[in-house]
PDB file of N, CA and C in Angstrom:
ATOM      1  N   MET A   1     110.742 -33.157 110.716  1.00  0.00           N
ATOM      2  CA  MET A   1     109.787 -32.627 111.335  1.00  0.00           C
ATOM      3  C   MET A   1     110.857 -31.209 112.471  1.00  0.00           C
ATOM      4  N   ASN A   2     110.648 -29.739 112.425  1.00  0.00           N
ATOM      5  CA  ASN A   2     111.217 -29.240 113.016  1.00  0.00           C
ATOM      6  C   ASN A   2     110.035 -29.101 114.918  1.00  0.00           C
ATOM      7  N   VAL A   3     110.206 -28.047 114.953  1.00  0.00           N
ATOM      8  CA  VAL A   3     110.034 -28.012 116.710  1.00  0.00           C
ATOM      9  C   VAL A   3     108.804 -27.535 116.640  1.00  0.00           C
ATOM     10  N   LYS A   4     108.682 -26.052 115.627  1.00  0.00           N
ATOM     11  CA  LYS A   4     107.306 -25.811 115.780  1.00  0.00           C
ATOM     12  C   LYS A   4     106.236 -26.452 115.450  1.00  0.00           C
ATOM     13  N   LYS A   5     106.552 -26.952 114.529  1.00  0.00           N
ATOM     14  CA  LYS A   5     105.196 -28.120 113.840  1.00  0.00           C
ATOM     15  C   LYS A   5     104.936 -29.195 114.817  1.00  0.00           C
ATOM     16  N   LEU A   6     106.377 -29.846 115.082  1.00  0.00           N
ATOM     17  CA  LEU A   6     105.378 -30.332 116.432  1.00  0.00           C
ATOM     18  C   LEU A   6     105.065 -30.084 117.675  1.00  0.00           C
ATOM     19  N   THR A   7     105.885 -28.825 118.087  1.00  0.00           N
ATOM     20  CA  THR A   7     104.560 -27.912 119.389  1.00  0.00           C
ATOM     21  C   THR A   7     103.324 -28.224 118.747  1.00  0.00           C
ATOM     22  N   GLY A   8     103.596 -27.458 118.039  1.00  0.00           N
ATOM     23  CA  GLY A   8     101.456 -27.132 117.133  1.00  0.00           C
ATOM     24  C   GLY A   8     100.897 -28.601 117.848  1.00  0.00           C
ATOM     25  N   LEU A   9     101.357 -29.340 116.626  1.00  0.00           N
ATOM     26  CA  LEU A   9     100.502 -30.657 117.046  1.00  0.00           C
ATOM     27  C   LEU A   9     100.594 -31.137 118.231  1.00  0.00           C
ATOM     28  N   ILE A  10     101.133 -31.168 119.145  1.00  0.00           N
ATOM     29  CA  ILE A  10     101.208 -31.287 120.989  1.00  0.00           C
ATOM     30  C   ILE A  10     100.141 -30.481 121.379  1.00  0.00           C
ATOM     31  N   VAL A  11      99.727 -29.373 120.911  1.00  0.00           N
ATOM     32  CA  VAL A  11      99.181 -28.389 121.357  1.00  0.00           C
ATOM     33  C   VAL A  11      97.679 -28.781 121.052  1.00  0.00           C
ATOM     34  N   ILE A  12      97.650 -29.221 119.565  1.00  0.00           N
ATOM     35  CA  ILE A  12      96.056 -29.285 119.352  1.00  0.00           C
ATOM     36  C   ILE A  12      95.863 -30.740 119.934  1.00  0.00           C
ATOM     37  N   ALA A  13      96.604 -31.961 119.995  1.00  0.00           N
ATOM     38  CA  ALA A  13      96.288 -33.043 120.675  1.00  0.00           C
ATOM     39  C   ALA A  13      95.860 -33.173 121.711  1.00  0.00           C
ATOM     40  N   LEU A  14      96.806 -32.236 122.639  1.00  0.00           N
ATOM     41  CA  LEU A  14      96.055 -32.306 123.957  1.00  0.00           C
ATOM     42  C   LEU A  14      94.794 -31.456 124.093  1.00  0.00           C
ATOM     43  N   VAL A  15      94.540 -30.100 123.217  1.00  0.00           N
ATOM     44  CA  VAL A  15      93.248 -29.681 123.169  1.00  0.00           C
ATOM     45  C   VAL A  15      92.218 -31.110 123.324  1.00  0.00           C
ATOM     46  N   VAL A  16      92.340 -31.445 121.996  1.00  0.00           N
ATOM     47  CA  VAL A  16      91.115 -32.315 121.951  1.00  0.00           C
ATOM     48  C   VAL A  16      91.377 -33.389 122.452  1.00  0.00           C
ATOM     49  N   PHE A  17      92.333 -33.784 122.976  1.00  0.00           N
ATOM     50  CA  PHE A  17      92.402 -34.811 124.591  1.00  0.00           C
ATOM     51  C   PHE A  17      91.177 -34.507 125.734  1.00  0.00           C
ATOM     52  N   PHE A  18      91.643 -33.104 125.930  1.00  0.00           N
ATOM     53  CA  PHE A  18      90.625 -32.206 126.756  1.00  0.00           C
ATOM     54  C   PHE A  18      88.949 -31.825 127.005  1.00  0.00           C
ATOM     55  N   ILE A  19      89.280 -31.891 125.383  1.00  0.00           N
ATOM     56  CA  ILE A  19      87.325 -31.241 125.162  1.00  0.00           C
ATOM     57  C   ILE A  19      86.944 -33.634 124.729  1.00  0.00           C
ATOM     58  N   VAL A  20      87.494 -34.102 124.136  1.00  0.00           N
ATOM     59  CA  VAL A  20      86.863 -35.522 124.156  1.00  0.00           C
ATOM     60  C   VAL A  20      86.738 -36.014 126.117  1.00  0.00           C
ATOM     61  N   THR A  21      87.713 -35.694 126.858  1.00  0.00           N
ATOM     62  CA  THR A  21      87.898 -36.386 128.245  1.00  0.00           C
ATOM     63  C   THR A  21      87.138 -36.018 128.559  1.00  0.00           C
ATOM     64  N   ASN A  22      86.591 -34.395 128.685  1.00  0.00           N
ATOM     65  CA  ASN A  22      86.022 -33.153 129.567  1.00  0.00           C
ATOM     66  C   ASN A  22      85.452 -32.223 128.954  1.00  0.00           C
ATOM     67  N   PRO A  23      83.763 -33.270 128.107  1.00  0.00           N
ATOM     68  CA  PRO A  23      83.188 -31.471 127.702  1.00  0.00           C
ATOM     69  C   PRO A  23      82.781 -30.622 128.371  1.00  0.00           C
ATOM     70  N   SER A  24      82.137 -30.459 129.366  1.00  0.00           N
ATOM     71  CA  SER A  24      81.610 -29.816 130.719  1.00  0.00           C
ATOM     72  C   SER A  24      82.401 -28.554 130.741  1.00  0.00           C
ATOM     73  N   GLY A  25      84.028 -29.099 131.083  1.00  0.00           N
ATOM     74  CA  GLY A  25      85.161 -28.709 131.348  1.00  0.00           C
ATOM     75  C   GLY A  25      85.249 -27.838 130.205  1.00  0.00           C
ATOM     76  N   ALA A  26      85.489 -28.545 129.421  1.00  0.00           N
ATOM     77  CA  ALA A  26      85.958 -27.709 127.709  1.00  0.00           C
ATOM     78  C   ALA A  26      84.846 -26.325 127.942  1.00  0.00           C
ATOM     79  N   SER A  27      83.716 -27.177 127.812  1.00  0.00           N
ATOM     80  CA  SER A  27      82.892 -25.488 127.518  1.00  0.00           C
ATOM     81  C   SER A  27      82.802 -24.500 128.411  1.00  0.00           C
ATOM     82  N   GLY A  28      83.026 -25.106 129.230  1.00  0.00           N
ATOM     83  CA  GLY A  28      83.103 -23.707 130.452  1.00  0.00           C
ATOM     84  C   GLY A  28      84.321 -23.300 130.671  1.00  0.00           C
ATOM     85  N   ALA A  29      85.207 -23.517 129.882  1.00  0.00           N
ATOM     86  CA  ALA A  29      86.165 -22.703 129.633  1.00  0.00           C
ATOM     87  C   ALA A  29      85.975 -21.801 128.598  1.00  0.00           C
ATOM     88  N   VAL A  30      85.928 -22.573 127.512  1.00  0.00           N
ATOM     89  CA  VAL A  30      85.248 -21.786 126.471  1.00  0.00           C
ATOM     90  C   VAL A  30      83.770 -20.436 126.430  1.00  0.00           C
ATOM     91  N   SER A  31      82.679 -20.696 127.234  1.00  0.00           N
ATOM     92  CA  SER A  31      82.195 -19.654 127.699  1.00  0.00           C
ATOM     93  C   SER A  31      82.661 -18.716 128.629  1.00  0.00           C
ATOM     94  N   GLY A  32      83.942 -19.118 129.419  1.00  0.00           N
ATOM     95  CA  GLY A  32      84.499 -18.413 130.323  1.00  0.00           C
ATOM     96  C   GLY A  32      85.506 -17.205 129.592  1.00  0.00           C
ATOM     97  N   ILE A  33      86.249 -17.947 128.489  1.00  0.00           N
ATOM     98  CA  ILE A  33      86.995 -16.607 127.625  1.00  0.00           C
ATOM     99  C   ILE A  33      86.018 -15.785 127.263  1.00  0.00           C
ATOM    100  N   GLY A  34      84.780 -16.301 126.704  1.00  0.00           N
ATOM    101  CA  GLY A  34      83.782 -15.355 125.574  1.00  0.00           C
ATOM    102  C   GLY A  34      83.264 -14.342 126.822  1.00  0.00           C
ATOM    103  N   ASN A  35      82.930 -15.085 127.785  1.00  0.00           N
ATOM    104  CA  ASN A  35      82.235 -13.955 128.708  1.00  0.00           C
ATOM    105  C   ASN A  35      83.434 -12.843 129.372  1.00  0.00           C
ATOM    106  N   TRP A  36      85.067 -13.044 128.954  1.00  0.00           N
ATOM    107  CA  TRP A  36      85.613 -12.102 129.861  1.00  0.00           C
ATOM    108  C   TRP A  36      86.344 -11.239 128.241  1.00  0.00           C
ATOM    109  N   LEU A  37      85.869 -11.686 126.769  1.00  0.00           N
ATOM    110  CA  LEU A  37      86.302 -10.801 125.618  1.00  0.00           C
ATOM    111  C   LEU A  37      84.851 -10.068 125.877  1.00  0.00           C
ATOM    112  N   TYR A  38      83.783 -10.412 125.975  1.00  0.00           N
ATOM    113  CA  TYR A  38      82.828  -9.557 125.708  1.00  0.00           C
ATOM    114  C   TYR A  38      82.689  -8.267 127.058  1.00  0.00           C
ATOM    115  N   GLY A  39      83.511  -8.693 127.979  1.00  0.00           N
ATOM    116  CA  GLY A  39      83.420  -7.691 129.395  1.00  0.00           C
ATOM    117  C   GLY A  39      84.947  -6.525 128.932  1.00  0.00           C
ATOM    118  N   VAL A  40      85.944  -7.418 128.382  1.00  0.00           N
ATOM    119  CA  VAL A  40      86.816  -6.285 128.140  1.00  0.00           C
ATOM    120  C   VAL A  40      85.770  -5.035 126.813  1.00  0.00           C
ATOM    121  N   GLY A  41      85.698  -5.866 125.929  1.00  0.00           N
ATOM    122  CA  GLY A  41      84.932  -4.489 125.021  1.00  0.00           C
ATOM    123  C   GLY A  41      83.902  -3.709 125.599  1.00  0.00           C
ATOM    124  N   GLN A  42      83.206  -4.098 126.510  1.00  0.00           N
ATOM    125  CA  GLN A  42      82.508  -3.241 126.988  1.00  0.00           C
ATOM    126  C   GLN A  42      83.464  -2.383 127.959  1.00  0.00           C
ATOM    127  N   ASN A  43      84.207  -2.629 128.480  1.00  0.00           N
ATOM    128  CA  ASN A  43      85.313  -1.758 129.223  1.00  0.00           C
ATOM    129  C   ASN A  43      85.795  -0.924 127.989  1.00  0.00           C
ATOM    130  N   VAL A  44      86.521  -1.053 127.140  1.00  0.00           N
ATOM    131  CA  VAL A  44      86.445  -0.133 126.193  1.00  0.00           C
ATOM    132  C   VAL A  44      86.015   0.610 125.729  1.00  0.00           C
ATOM    133  N   THR A  45      84.674   0.138 125.151  1.00  0.00           N
ATOM    134  CA  THR A  45      83.394   1.064 125.063  1.00  0.00           C
ATOM    135  C   THR A  45      83.304   2.230 125.432  1.00  0.00           C
ATOM    136  N   THR A  46      82.947   1.810 127.228  1.00  0.00           N
ATOM    137  CA  THR A  46      82.548   2.803 127.996  1.00  0.00           C
ATOM    138  C   THR A  46      84.340   3.593 128.342  1.00  0.00           C
ATOM    139  N   PHE A  47      85.062   3.558 128.043  1.00  0.00           N
ATOM    140  CA  PHE A  47      86.314   4.230 127.923  1.00  0.00           C
ATOM    141  C   PHE A  47      86.631   5.105 127.543  1.00  0.00           C
ATOM    142  N   PHE A  48      86.147   4.578 125.852  1.00  0.00           N
ATOM    143  CA  PHE A  48      85.896   5.918 124.710  1.00  0.00           C
ATOM    144  C   PHE A  48      84.710   6.807 125.024  1.00  0.00           C
ATOM    145  N   SER A  49      83.649   6.122 125.384  1.00  0.00           N
ATOM    146  CA  SER A  49      82.666   6.761 125.367  1.00  0.00           C
ATOM    147  C   SER A  49      82.543   7.956 126.458  1.00  0.00           C
ATOM    148  N   ASP A  50      83.412   7.962 126.941  1.00  0.00           N
ATOM    149  CA  ASP A  50      83.933   8.699 128.277  1.00  0.00           C
ATOM    150  C   ASP A  50      84.861   9.998 128.228  1.00  0.00           C
ATOM    151  N   LEU A  51      85.508   9.591 127.191  1.00  0.00           N
ATOM    152  CA  LEU A  51      86.430  10.736 126.555  1.00  0.00           C
ATOM    153  C   LEU A  51      85.947  11.702 125.463  1.00  0.00           C
ATOM    154  N   ALA A  52      84.685  11.132 125.065  1.00  0.00           N
ATOM    155  CA  ALA A  52      83.928  11.935 124.338  1.00  0.00           C
ATOM    156  C   ALA A  52      83.107  12.851 124.975  1.00  0.00           C
ATOM    157  N   PRO A  53      83.312  14.069 124.896  1.00  0.00           N
ATOM    158  CA  PRO A  53      82.135  15.328 124.906  1.00  0.00           C
ATOM    159  C   PRO A  53      80.991  15.004 124.753  1.00  0.00           C
ATOM    160  N   SER A  54      80.302  15.599 125.775  1.00  0.00           N
ATOM    161  CA  SER A  54      78.972  15.484 126.108  1.00  0.00           C
ATOM    162  C   SER A  54      78.159  16.465 125.174  1.00  0.00           C
TER     163      SER A  54
END
């Protein structure tokens, strides 16, 4: 097994372990990431809207 594949399997195992042992924490983390991405999208949209002439 190469190092990349082993590292990927370890990361997947840790994510599954985190979800199984703390589902509310995992859902909170995913929700936080989603909210962050939504905010980034809104800010980028606002930026380009402000660049366009009225």
